[in-house]
Each structure stands twice: as structure tokens, then as C-alpha cells.
Amino acid sequence: MATIAEEINEAVAHLPPDDQQRVLNYARALAQATHEAPLPHTPLPPGTPGHVIAQLRVSPELGEALERALEDTERIDFDGWR
């Protein structure tokens, strides 16, 4: 199994020289930014505990509407992108 560095090397080797230079510049900038100022740890905002959410109750009609809405968001309409 190839290492990540080997996979990157293989992918970059197939690019034209200008794109190889862009990848190199990006990698250098990313490495420098990581060494200079790593992102600070940000705790998650407070939320509703799971045990409270588990006790929520809704009408059967609302439950069905929520279920349909979730199903609708999972559909991919390939013709919708045209």
C-alpha cells in the first residue's frame, strides 16, 4: 500500500509542469501556515443534551412530514443541475 506522499507524487507526476508548480506552491504555503500559526482549538457551542432530544414527542403528522423532508434532502436530481 502506497503512502500518502507516494500517492501525491504519482498524481503530481502526471500533471503539466505549470500545474506541478501550482501544487508545489500550495503545499509550501500550507506547510508554512501550519508551522507559523496553527488553528486554535475552538470548543463546540453548547447544545441540547441527547437525553433531552430523545424525550421529544411530535404528532404522527409532523413526524411523517419530517421524515418526508429528510428523504427529499437525500435525493439527487441529476437533471436539476442543468
PDB file of N, CA and C in Angstrom:
ATOM      1  N   MET A   1       0.845  -1.184   0.000  1.00  0.00           N
ATOM      2  CA  MET A   1       0.000   0.000   0.000  1.00  0.00           C
ATOM      3  C   MET A   1       0.887   1.243   0.000  1.00  0.00           C
ATOM      4  N   ALA A   2       0.580   2.171  -0.857  1.00  0.00           N
ATOM      5  CA  ALA A   2       1.390   3.379  -1.007  1.00  0.00           C
ATOM      6  C   ALA A   2       1.109   4.350   0.139  1.00  0.00           C
ATOM      7  N   THR A   3       2.140   5.098   0.494  1.00  0.00           N
ATOM      8  CA  THR A   3       1.955   6.147   1.487  1.00  0.00           C
ATOM      9  C   THR A   3       1.273   7.336   0.830  1.00  0.00           C
ATOM     10  N   ILE A   4       0.807   8.253   1.641  1.00  0.00           N
ATOM     11  CA  ILE A   4       0.167   9.451   1.099  1.00  0.00           C
ATOM     12  C   ILE A   4       1.155  10.216   0.233  1.00  0.00           C
ATOM     13  N   ALA A   5       2.386  10.361   0.707  1.00  0.00           N
ATOM     14  CA  ALA A   5       3.401  11.086  -0.059  1.00  0.00           C
ATOM     15  C   ALA A   5       3.630  10.417  -1.417  1.00  0.00           C
ATOM     16  N   GLU A   6       3.638   9.089  -1.447  1.00  0.00           N
ATOM     17  CA  GLU A   6       3.825   8.376  -2.713  1.00  0.00           C
ATOM     18  C   GLU A   6       2.648   8.602  -3.653  1.00  0.00           C
ATOM     19  N   GLU A   7       1.444   8.592  -3.098  1.00  0.00           N
ATOM     20  CA  GLU A   7       0.261   8.825  -3.925  1.00  0.00           C
ATOM     21  C   GLU A   7       0.258  10.245  -4.484  1.00  0.00           C
ATOM     22  N   ILE A   8       0.640  11.212  -3.663  1.00  0.00           N
ATOM     23  CA  ILE A   8       0.727  12.598  -4.139  1.00  0.00           C
ATOM     24  C   ILE A   8       1.765  12.699  -5.239  1.00  0.00           C
ATOM     25  N   ASN A   9       2.918  12.093  -5.010  1.00  0.00           N
ATOM     26  CA  ASN A   9       3.986  12.096  -6.015  1.00  0.00           C
ATOM     27  C   ASN A   9       3.493  11.533  -7.345  1.00  0.00           C
ATOM     28  N   GLU A  10       2.796  10.424  -7.293  1.00  0.00           N
ATOM     29  CA  GLU A  10       2.292   9.775  -8.501  1.00  0.00           C
ATOM     30  C   GLU A  10       1.294  10.669  -9.221  1.00  0.00           C
ATOM     31  N   ALA A  11       0.385  11.273  -8.479  1.00  0.00           N
ATOM     32  CA  ALA A  11      -0.625  12.128  -9.096  1.00  0.00           C
ATOM     33  C   ALA A  11       0.007  13.369  -9.711  1.00  0.00           C
ATOM     34  N   VAL A  12       0.946  13.983  -8.999  1.00  0.00           N
ATOM     35  CA  VAL A  12       1.583  15.206  -9.490  1.00  0.00           C
ATOM     36  C   VAL A  12       2.456  14.915 -10.709  1.00  0.00           C
ATOM     37  N   ALA A  13       3.053  13.747 -10.766  1.00  0.00           N
ATOM     38  CA  ALA A  13       3.927  13.392 -11.887  1.00  0.00           C
ATOM     39  C   ALA A  13       3.185  13.410 -13.226  1.00  0.00           C
ATOM     40  N   HIS A  14       1.872  13.223 -13.195  1.00  0.00           N
ATOM     41  CA  HIS A  14       1.086  13.186 -14.428  1.00  0.00           C
ATOM     42  C   HIS A  14       0.576  14.565 -14.844  1.00  0.00           C
ATOM     43  N   LEU A  15       0.836  15.580 -14.028  1.00  0.00           N
ATOM     44  CA  LEU A  15       0.364  16.929 -14.333  1.00  0.00           C
ATOM     45  C   LEU A  15       1.361  17.668 -15.217  1.00  0.00           C
ATOM     46  N   PRO A  16       0.882  18.657 -15.965  1.00  0.00           N
ATOM     47  CA  PRO A  16       1.804  19.501 -16.726  1.00  0.00           C
ATOM     48  C   PRO A  16       2.682  20.303 -15.760  1.00  0.00           C
ATOM     49  N   PRO A  17       3.850  20.757 -16.213  1.00  0.00           N
ATOM     50  CA  PRO A  17       4.775  21.475 -15.333  1.00  0.00           C
ATOM     51  C   PRO A  17       4.155  22.674 -14.607  1.00  0.00           C
ATOM     52  N   ASP A  18       3.312  23.444 -15.279  1.00  0.00           N
ATOM     53  CA  ASP A  18       2.686  24.606 -14.616  1.00  0.00           C
ATOM     54  C   ASP A  18       1.810  24.173 -13.447  1.00  0.00           C
ATOM     55  N   ASP A  19       1.053  23.092 -13.638  1.00  0.00           N
ATOM     56  CA  ASP A  19       0.202  22.590 -12.556  1.00  0.00           C
ATOM     57  C   ASP A  19       1.045  21.979 -11.439  1.00  0.00           C
ATOM     58  N   GLN A  20       2.134  21.323 -11.790  1.00  0.00           N
ATOM     59  CA  GLN A  20       3.041  20.799 -10.769  1.00  0.00           C
ATOM     60  C   GLN A  20       3.561  21.940  -9.896  1.00  0.00           C
ATOM     61  N   GLN A  21       3.915  23.068 -10.525  1.00  0.00           N
ATOM     62  CA  GLN A  21       4.418  24.217  -9.773  1.00  0.00           C
ATOM     63  C   GLN A  21       3.330  24.774  -8.860  1.00  0.00           C
ATOM     64  N   ARG A  22       2.089  24.819  -9.344  1.00  0.00           N
ATOM     65  CA  ARG A  22       0.977  25.306  -8.514  1.00  0.00           C
ATOM     66  C   ARG A  22       0.781  24.404  -7.299  1.00  0.00           C
ATOM     67  N   VAL A  23       0.855  23.094  -7.496  1.00  0.00           N
ATOM     68  CA  VAL A  23       0.704  22.155  -6.382  1.00  0.00           C
ATOM     69  C   VAL A  23       1.841  22.355  -5.380  1.00  0.00           C
ATOM     70  N   LEU A  24       3.050  22.510  -5.878  1.00  0.00           N
ATOM     71  CA  LEU A  24       4.201  22.731  -5.003  1.00  0.00           C
ATOM     72  C   LEU A  24       4.040  24.023  -4.210  1.00  0.00           C
ATOM     73  N   ASN A  25       3.631  25.094  -4.870  1.00  0.00           N
ATOM     74  CA  ASN A  25       3.425  26.372  -4.171  1.00  0.00           C
ATOM     75  C   ASN A  25       2.365  26.245  -3.090  1.00  0.00           C
ATOM     76  N   TYR A  26       1.281  25.544  -3.413  1.00  0.00           N
ATOM     77  CA  TYR A  26       0.212  25.344  -2.436  1.00  0.00           C
ATOM     78  C   TYR A  26       0.718  24.539  -1.242  1.00  0.00           C
ATOM     79  N   ALA A  27       1.430  23.459  -1.504  1.00  0.00           N
ATOM     80  CA  ALA A  27       1.943  22.620  -0.415  1.00  0.00           C
ATOM     81  C   ALA A  27       2.903  23.406   0.472  1.00  0.00           C
ATOM     82  N   ARG A  28       3.768  24.212  -0.140  1.00  0.00           N
ATOM     83  CA  ARG A  28       4.700  25.038   0.650  1.00  0.00           C
ATOM     84  C   ARG A  28       3.941  26.045   1.515  1.00  0.00           C
ATOM     85  N   ALA A  29       2.953  26.712   0.926  1.00  0.00           N
ATOM     86  CA  ALA A  29       2.173  27.693   1.682  1.00  0.00           C
ATOM     87  C   ALA A  29       1.413  27.026   2.816  1.00  0.00           C
ATOM     88  N   LEU A  30       0.869  25.867   2.557  1.00  0.00           N
ATOM     89  CA  LEU A  30       0.132  25.133   3.581  1.00  0.00           C
ATOM     90  C   LEU A  30       1.053  24.708   4.714  1.00  0.00           C
ATOM     91  N   ALA A  31       2.235  24.203   4.361  1.00  0.00           N
ATOM     92  CA  ALA A  31       3.200  23.777   5.380  1.00  0.00           C
ATOM     93  C   ALA A  31       3.662  24.961   6.215  1.00  0.00           C
ATOM     94  N   GLN A  32       3.919  26.097   5.581  1.00  0.00           N
ATOM     95  CA  GLN A  32       4.385  27.274   6.308  1.00  0.00           C
ATOM     96  C   GLN A  32       3.291  27.812   7.232  1.00  0.00           C
ATOM     97  N   ALA A  33       2.064  27.853   6.749  1.00  0.00           N
ATOM     98  CA  ALA A  33       0.961  28.351   7.565  1.00  0.00           C
ATOM     99  C   ALA A  33       0.742  27.463   8.782  1.00  0.00           C
ATOM    100  N   THR A  34       0.925  26.168   8.612  1.00  0.00           N
ATOM    101  CA  THR A  34       0.741  25.231   9.720  1.00  0.00           C
ATOM    102  C   THR A  34       1.812  25.431  10.779  1.00  0.00           C
ATOM    103  N   HIS A  35       3.037  25.724  10.339  1.00  0.00           N
ATOM    104  CA  HIS A  35       4.133  25.916  11.290  1.00  0.00           C
ATOM    105  C   HIS A  35       4.045  27.278  11.976  1.00  0.00           C
ATOM    106  N   GLU A  36       3.571  28.289  11.277  1.00  0.00           N
ATOM    107  CA  GLU A  36       3.538  29.634  11.828  1.00  0.00           C
ATOM    108  C   GLU A  36       2.420  29.813  12.839  1.00  0.00           C
ATOM    109  N   ALA A  37       1.214  29.482  12.458  1.00  0.00           N
ATOM    110  CA  ALA A  37       0.071  29.750  13.331  1.00  0.00           C
ATOM    111  C   ALA A  37      -0.952  28.632  13.203  1.00  0.00           C
ATOM    112  N   PRO A  38      -0.789  27.578  13.982  1.00  0.00           N
ATOM    113  CA  PRO A  38      -1.798  26.519  13.916  1.00  0.00           C
ATOM    114  C   PRO A  38      -3.150  27.068  14.361  1.00  0.00           C
ATOM    115  N   LEU A  39      -4.196  26.495  13.820  1.00  0.00           N
ATOM    116  CA  LEU A  39      -5.532  26.949  14.175  1.00  0.00           C
ATOM    117  C   LEU A  39      -5.802  26.694  15.648  1.00  0.00           C
ATOM    118  N   PRO A  40      -6.397  27.667  16.320  1.00  0.00           N
ATOM    119  CA  PRO A  40      -6.694  27.474  17.746  1.00  0.00           C
ATOM    120  C   PRO A  40      -7.816  26.458  17.931  1.00  0.00           C
ATOM    121  N   HIS A  41      -7.797  25.797  19.058  1.00  0.00           N
ATOM    122  CA  HIS A  41      -8.864  24.846  19.382  1.00  0.00           C
ATOM    123  C   HIS A  41     -10.106  25.640  19.748  1.00  0.00           C
ATOM    124  N   THR A  42     -11.195  25.349  19.094  1.00  0.00           N
ATOM    125  CA  THR A  42     -12.450  26.029  19.376  1.00  0.00           C
ATOM    126  C   THR A  42     -13.446  24.987  19.858  1.00  0.00           C
ATOM    127  N   PRO A  43     -13.920  25.133  21.094  1.00  0.00           N
ATOM    128  CA  PRO A  43     -14.885  24.146  21.590  1.00  0.00           C
ATOM    129  C   PRO A  43     -16.215  24.289  20.858  1.00  0.00           C
ATOM    130  N   LEU A  44     -16.945  23.191  20.817  1.00  0.00           N
ATOM    131  CA  LEU A  44     -18.267  23.224  20.190  1.00  0.00           C
ATOM    132  C   LEU A  44     -19.192  24.119  21.005  1.00  0.00           C
ATOM    133  N   PRO A  45     -20.123  24.789  20.350  1.00  0.00           N
ATOM    134  CA  PRO A  45     -21.065  25.616  21.097  1.00  0.00           C
ATOM    135  C   PRO A  45     -21.976  24.734  21.952  1.00  0.00           C
ATOM    136  N   PRO A  46     -22.508  25.303  23.015  1.00  0.00           N
ATOM    137  CA  PRO A  46     -23.404  24.496  23.852  1.00  0.00           C
ATOM    138  C   PRO A  46     -24.640  24.092  23.063  1.00  0.00           C
ATOM    139  N   GLY A  47     -25.149  22.948  23.358  1.00  0.00           N
ATOM    140  CA  GLY A  47     -26.327  22.459  22.650  1.00  0.00           C
ATOM    141  C   GLY A  47     -27.263  21.734  23.595  1.00  0.00           C
ATOM    142  N   THR A  48     -28.268  21.148  23.044  1.00  0.00           N
ATOM    143  CA  THR A  48     -29.228  20.395  23.837  1.00  0.00           C
ATOM    144  C   THR A  48     -28.698  18.987  24.045  1.00  0.00           C
ATOM    145  N   PRO A  49     -28.643  18.530  25.303  1.00  0.00           N
ATOM    146  CA  PRO A  49     -28.156  17.169  25.558  1.00  0.00           C
ATOM    147  C   PRO A  49     -29.026  16.129  24.852  1.00  0.00           C
ATOM    148  N   GLY A  50     -28.395  15.053  24.429  1.00  0.00           N
ATOM    149  CA  GLY A  50     -29.093  13.999  23.710  1.00  0.00           C
ATOM    150  C   GLY A  50     -30.266  13.412  24.450  1.00  0.00           C
ATOM    151  N   HIS A  51     -30.137  13.272  25.779  1.00  0.00           N
ATOM    152  CA  HIS A  51     -31.239  12.660  26.528  1.00  0.00           C
ATOM    153  C   HIS A  51     -32.490  13.542  26.508  1.00  0.00           C
ATOM    154  N   VAL A  52     -32.318  14.853  26.354  1.00  0.00           N
ATOM    155  CA  VAL A  52     -33.468  15.745  26.253  1.00  0.00           C
ATOM    156  C   VAL A  52     -34.117  15.588  24.880  1.00  0.00           C
ATOM    157  N   ILE A  53     -33.300  15.525  23.842  1.00  0.00           N
ATOM    158  CA  ILE A  53     -33.824  15.366  22.483  1.00  0.00           C
ATOM    159  C   ILE A  53     -34.553  14.031  22.351  1.00  0.00           C
ATOM    160  N   ALA A  54     -34.035  13.001  23.006  1.00  0.00           N
ATOM    161  CA  ALA A  54     -34.659  11.681  22.930  1.00  0.00           C
ATOM    162  C   ALA A  54     -36.068  11.685  23.531  1.00  0.00           C
ATOM    163  N   GLN A  55     -36.361  12.655  24.380  1.00  0.00           N
ATOM    164  CA  GLN A  55     -37.679  12.717  25.020  1.00  0.00           C
ATOM    165  C   GLN A  55     -38.675  13.563  24.223  1.00  0.00           C
ATOM    166  N   LEU A  56     -38.236  14.175  23.129  1.00  0.00           N
ATOM    167  CA  LEU A  56     -39.146  14.991  22.326  1.00  0.00           C
ATOM    168  C   LEU A  56     -40.236  14.122  21.722  1.00  0.00           C
ATOM    169  N   ARG A  57     -41.410  14.651  21.683  1.00  0.00           N
ATOM    170  CA  ARG A  57     -42.532  13.943  21.080  1.00  0.00           C
ATOM    171  C   ARG A  57     -43.239  14.888  20.122  1.00  0.00           C
ATOM    172  N   VAL A  58     -43.613  14.377  18.949  1.00  0.00           N
ATOM    173  CA  VAL A  58     -44.355  15.158  17.967  1.00  0.00           C
ATOM    174  C   VAL A  58     -45.539  14.340  17.508  1.00  0.00           C
ATOM    175  N   SER A  59     -46.481  15.023  16.875  1.00  0.00           N
ATOM    176  CA  SER A  59     -47.661  14.324  16.368  1.00  0.00           C
ATOM    177  C   SER A  59     -47.249  13.398  15.226  1.00  0.00           C
ATOM    178  N   PRO A  60     -48.037  12.373  14.966  1.00  0.00           N
ATOM    179  CA  PRO A  60     -47.728  11.481  13.841  1.00  0.00           C
ATOM    180  C   PRO A  60     -47.636  12.240  12.511  1.00  0.00           C
ATOM    181  N   GLU A  61     -48.514  13.259  12.330  1.00  0.00           N
ATOM    182  CA  GLU A  61     -48.495  14.029  11.082  1.00  0.00           C
ATOM    183  C   GLU A  61     -47.176  14.785  10.929  1.00  0.00           C
ATOM    184  N   LEU A  62     -46.725  15.417  12.006  1.00  0.00           N
ATOM    185  CA  LEU A  62     -45.472  16.154  11.957  1.00  0.00           C
ATOM    186  C   LEU A  62     -44.306  15.186  11.758  1.00  0.00           C
ATOM    187  N   GLY A  63     -44.352  14.039  12.411  1.00  0.00           N
ATOM    188  CA  GLY A  63     -43.307  13.035  12.234  1.00  0.00           C
ATOM    189  C   GLY A  63     -43.192  12.586  10.786  1.00  0.00           C
ATOM    190  N   GLU A  64     -44.349  12.366  10.144  1.00  0.00           N
ATOM    191  CA  GLU A  64     -44.347  11.963   8.732  1.00  0.00           C
ATOM    192  C   GLU A  64     -43.809  13.080   7.843  1.00  0.00           C
ATOM    193  N   ALA A  65     -44.177  14.325   8.152  1.00  0.00           N
ATOM    194  CA  ALA A  65     -43.687  15.466   7.365  1.00  0.00           C
ATOM    195  C   ALA A  65     -42.175  15.604   7.514  1.00  0.00           C
ATOM    196  N   LEU A  66     -41.674  15.423   8.728  1.00  0.00           N
ATOM    197  CA  LEU A  66     -40.227  15.493   8.946  1.00  0.00           C
ATOM    198  C   LEU A  66     -39.517  14.373   8.201  1.00  0.00           C
ATOM    199  N   GLU A  67     -40.091  13.185   8.230  1.00  0.00           N
ATOM    200  CA  GLU A  67     -39.489  12.049   7.531  1.00  0.00           C
ATOM    201  C   GLU A  67     -39.436  12.299   6.025  1.00  0.00           C
ATOM    202  N   ARG A  68     -40.529  12.836   5.457  1.00  0.00           N
ATOM    203  CA  ARG A  68     -40.545  13.150   4.019  1.00  0.00           C
ATOM    204  C   ARG A  68     -39.500  14.215   3.688  1.00  0.00           C
ATOM    205  N   ALA A  69     -39.383  15.226   4.551  1.00  0.00           N
ATOM    206  CA  ALA A  69     -38.405  16.292   4.303  1.00  0.00           C
ATOM    207  C   ALA A  69     -36.992  15.727   4.303  1.00  0.00           C
ATOM    208  N   LEU A  70     -36.695  14.828   5.229  1.00  0.00           N
ATOM    209  CA  LEU A  70     -35.371  14.207   5.268  1.00  0.00           C
ATOM    210  C   LEU A  70     -35.119  13.372   4.017  1.00  0.00           C
ATOM    211  N   GLU A  71     -36.119  12.629   3.598  1.00  0.00           N
ATOM    212  CA  GLU A  71     -35.964  11.819   2.390  1.00  0.00           C
ATOM    213  C   GLU A  71     -35.759  12.695   1.156  1.00  0.00           C
ATOM    214  N   ASP A  72     -36.462  13.820   1.100  1.00  0.00           N
ATOM    215  CA  ASP A  72     -36.318  14.732  -0.043  1.00  0.00           C
ATOM    216  C   ASP A  72     -34.913  15.319  -0.118  1.00  0.00           C
ATOM    217  N   THR A  73     -34.305  15.576   1.023  1.00  0.00           N
ATOM    218  CA  THR A  73     -32.963  16.169   1.008  1.00  0.00           C
ATOM    219  C   THR A  73     -31.907  15.152   0.619  1.00  0.00           C
ATOM    220  N   GLU A  74     -32.218  13.873   0.687  1.00  0.00           N
ATOM    221  CA  GLU A  74     -31.257  12.832   0.334  1.00  0.00           C
ATOM    222  C   GLU A  74     -31.293  12.482  -1.144  1.00  0.00           C
ATOM    223  N   ARG A  75     -32.288  12.965  -1.859  1.00  0.00           N
ATOM    224  CA  ARG A  75     -32.415  12.645  -3.283  1.00  0.00           C
ATOM    225  C   ARG A  75     -31.459  13.494  -4.105  1.00  0.00           C
ATOM    226  N   ILE A  76     -30.976  12.936  -5.166  1.00  0.00           N
ATOM    227  CA  ILE A  76     -30.121  13.669  -6.091  1.00  0.00           C
ATOM    228  C   ILE A  76     -30.874  13.798  -7.396  1.00  0.00           C
ATOM    229  N   ASP A  77     -31.130  15.027  -7.787  1.00  0.00           N
ATOM    230  CA  ASP A  77     -31.821  15.291  -9.047  1.00  0.00           C
ATOM    231  C   ASP A  77     -30.790  15.699 -10.068  1.00  0.00           C
ATOM    232  N   PHE A  78     -30.294  14.708 -10.828  1.00  0.00           N
ATOM    233  CA  PHE A  78     -29.232  14.977 -11.794  1.00  0.00           C
ATOM    234  C   PHE A  78     -29.677  15.970 -12.855  1.00  0.00           C
ATOM    235  N   ASP A  79     -30.961  15.967 -13.217  1.00  0.00           N
ATOM    236  CA  ASP A  79     -31.444  16.920 -14.208  1.00  0.00           C
ATOM    237  C   ASP A  79     -31.558  18.320 -13.639  1.00  0.00           C
ATOM    238  N   GLY A  80     -31.586  18.442 -12.332  1.00  0.00           N
ATOM    239  CA  GLY A  80     -31.699  19.753 -11.687  1.00  0.00           C
ATOM    240  C   GLY A  80     -30.433  20.590 -11.795  1.00  0.00           C
ATOM    241  N   TRP A  81     -29.333  19.997 -12.215  1.00  0.00           N
ATOM    242  CA  TRP A  81     -28.066  20.725 -12.310  1.00  0.00           C
ATOM    243  C   TRP A  81     -27.883  21.384 -13.668  1.00  0.00           C
ATOM    244  N   ARG A  82     -28.801  21.161 -14.571  1.00  0.00           N
ATOM    245  CA  ARG A  82     -28.652  21.704 -15.927  1.00  0.00           C
ATOM    246  C   ARG A  82     -29.260  23.067 -16.030  1.00  0.00           C
TER     247      ARG A  82
END
